[in-house]
C-alpha atoms as a PDB file:
ATOM      1  CA  MET A   1     -22.321   4.194   0.776  1.00  0.00           C
ATOM      2  CA  GLU A   2     -21.287   5.893   3.983  1.00  0.00           C
ATOM      3  CA  LYS A   3     -17.590   5.741   4.774  1.00  0.00           C
ATOM      4  CA  ILE A   4     -16.238   6.326   8.274  1.00  0.00           C
ATOM      5  CA  VAL A   5     -12.545   6.505   9.126  1.00  0.00           C
ATOM      6  CA  ARG A   6     -10.960   6.388  12.583  1.00  0.00           C
ATOM      7  CA  CYS A   7      -7.539   7.321  13.959  1.00  0.00           C
ATOM      8  CA  GLU A   8      -5.926   4.349  15.666  1.00  0.00           C
ATOM      9  CA  LYS A   9      -3.916   6.647  17.985  1.00  0.00           C
ATOM     10  CA  CYS A  10      -6.443   9.150  19.369  1.00  0.00           C
ATOM     11  CA  GLY A  11      -9.780   7.618  18.324  1.00  0.00           C
ATOM     12  CA  ALA A  12     -11.000  10.594  16.255  1.00  0.00           C
ATOM     13  CA  MET A  13     -13.660   9.608  13.694  1.00  0.00           C
ATOM     14  CA  VAL A  14     -14.614  11.289  10.422  1.00  0.00           C
ATOM     15  CA  LYS A  15     -17.599  10.650   8.151  1.00  0.00           C
ATOM     16  CA  VAL A  16     -16.340  11.010   4.565  1.00  0.00           C
ATOM     17  CA  LEU A  17     -18.727  12.848   2.236  1.00  0.00           C
ATOM     18  CA  ILE A  18     -16.586  12.714  -0.910  1.00  0.00           C
ATOM     19  CA  ASP A  19     -13.454  10.561  -0.812  1.00  0.00           C
ATOM     20  CA  CYS A  20     -10.178  11.487  -2.462  1.00  0.00           C
ATOM     21  CA  THR A  21      -9.219   9.512  -5.575  1.00  0.00           C
ATOM     22  CA  CYS A  22      -5.491  10.359  -5.629  1.00  0.00           C
ATOM     23  CA  PRO A  23      -3.061   7.413  -5.370  1.00  0.00           C
ATOM     24  CA  ASN A  24      -1.612   6.829  -1.859  1.00  0.00           C
ATOM     25  CA  CYS A  25      -3.863   9.503  -0.395  1.00  0.00           C
ATOM     26  CA  GLY A  26      -6.149   9.538   2.615  1.00  0.00           C
ATOM     27  CA  ILE A  27      -7.342  11.524   5.587  1.00  0.00           C
ATOM     28  CA  LYS A  28      -4.560  11.816   8.153  1.00  0.00           C
ATOM     29  CA  CYS A  29      -4.640  12.305  11.917  1.00  0.00           C
ATOM     30  CA  CYS A  30      -1.735  12.120  14.367  1.00  0.00           C
ATOM     31  CA  GLY A  31       0.568  11.897  11.325  1.00  0.00           C
ATOM     32  CA  GLU A  32      -0.912   8.603  10.045  1.00  0.00           C
ATOM     33  CA  THR A  33      -3.599   7.647   7.533  1.00  0.00           C
ATOM     34  CA  MET A  34      -6.934   6.967   9.228  1.00  0.00           C
ATOM     35  CA  LYS A  35      -8.386   3.457   8.842  1.00  0.00           C
ATOM     36  CA  GLU A  36     -11.854   2.744   7.429  1.00  0.00           C
ATOM     37  CA  ILE A  37     -14.301   1.181   9.896  1.00  0.00           C
ATOM     38  CA  SER A  38     -17.862  -0.095   9.519  1.00  0.00           C
ATOM     39  CA  LYS A  39     -20.909   1.818  10.752  1.00  0.00           C
ATOM     40  CA  GLU A  40     -21.429  -0.932  13.331  1.00  0.00           C
ATOM     41  CA  GLU A  41     -17.872  -0.474  14.664  1.00  0.00           C
ATOM     42  CA  ALA A  42     -18.425   3.298  14.872  1.00  0.00           C
ATOM     43  CA  ASP A  43     -21.735   2.853  16.727  1.00  0.00           C
ATOM     44  CA  LYS A  44     -20.122   0.414  19.174  1.00  0.00           C
ATOM     45  CA  TYR A  45     -17.238   2.805  19.824  1.00  0.00           C
ATOM     46  CA  LEU A  46     -19.636   5.733  20.400  1.00  0.00           C
ATOM     47  CA  GLU A  47     -21.723   3.681  22.874  1.00  0.00           C
ATOM     48  CA  ASN A  48     -18.608   3.146  25.014  1.00  0.00           C
ATOM     49  CA  LYS A  49     -17.759   6.871  25.160  1.00  0.00           C
END
């Protein structure tokens, strides 16, 4: 399953190839953990750019 995360501050998006399994861990951007979004949300965001 494809996982995409997005920064709520700057809008950066990352496609996760292998996710971390550590507790309380995650990809960070702008000092905050990025939030998982659906492929549809990512496509919609990219269409508006």
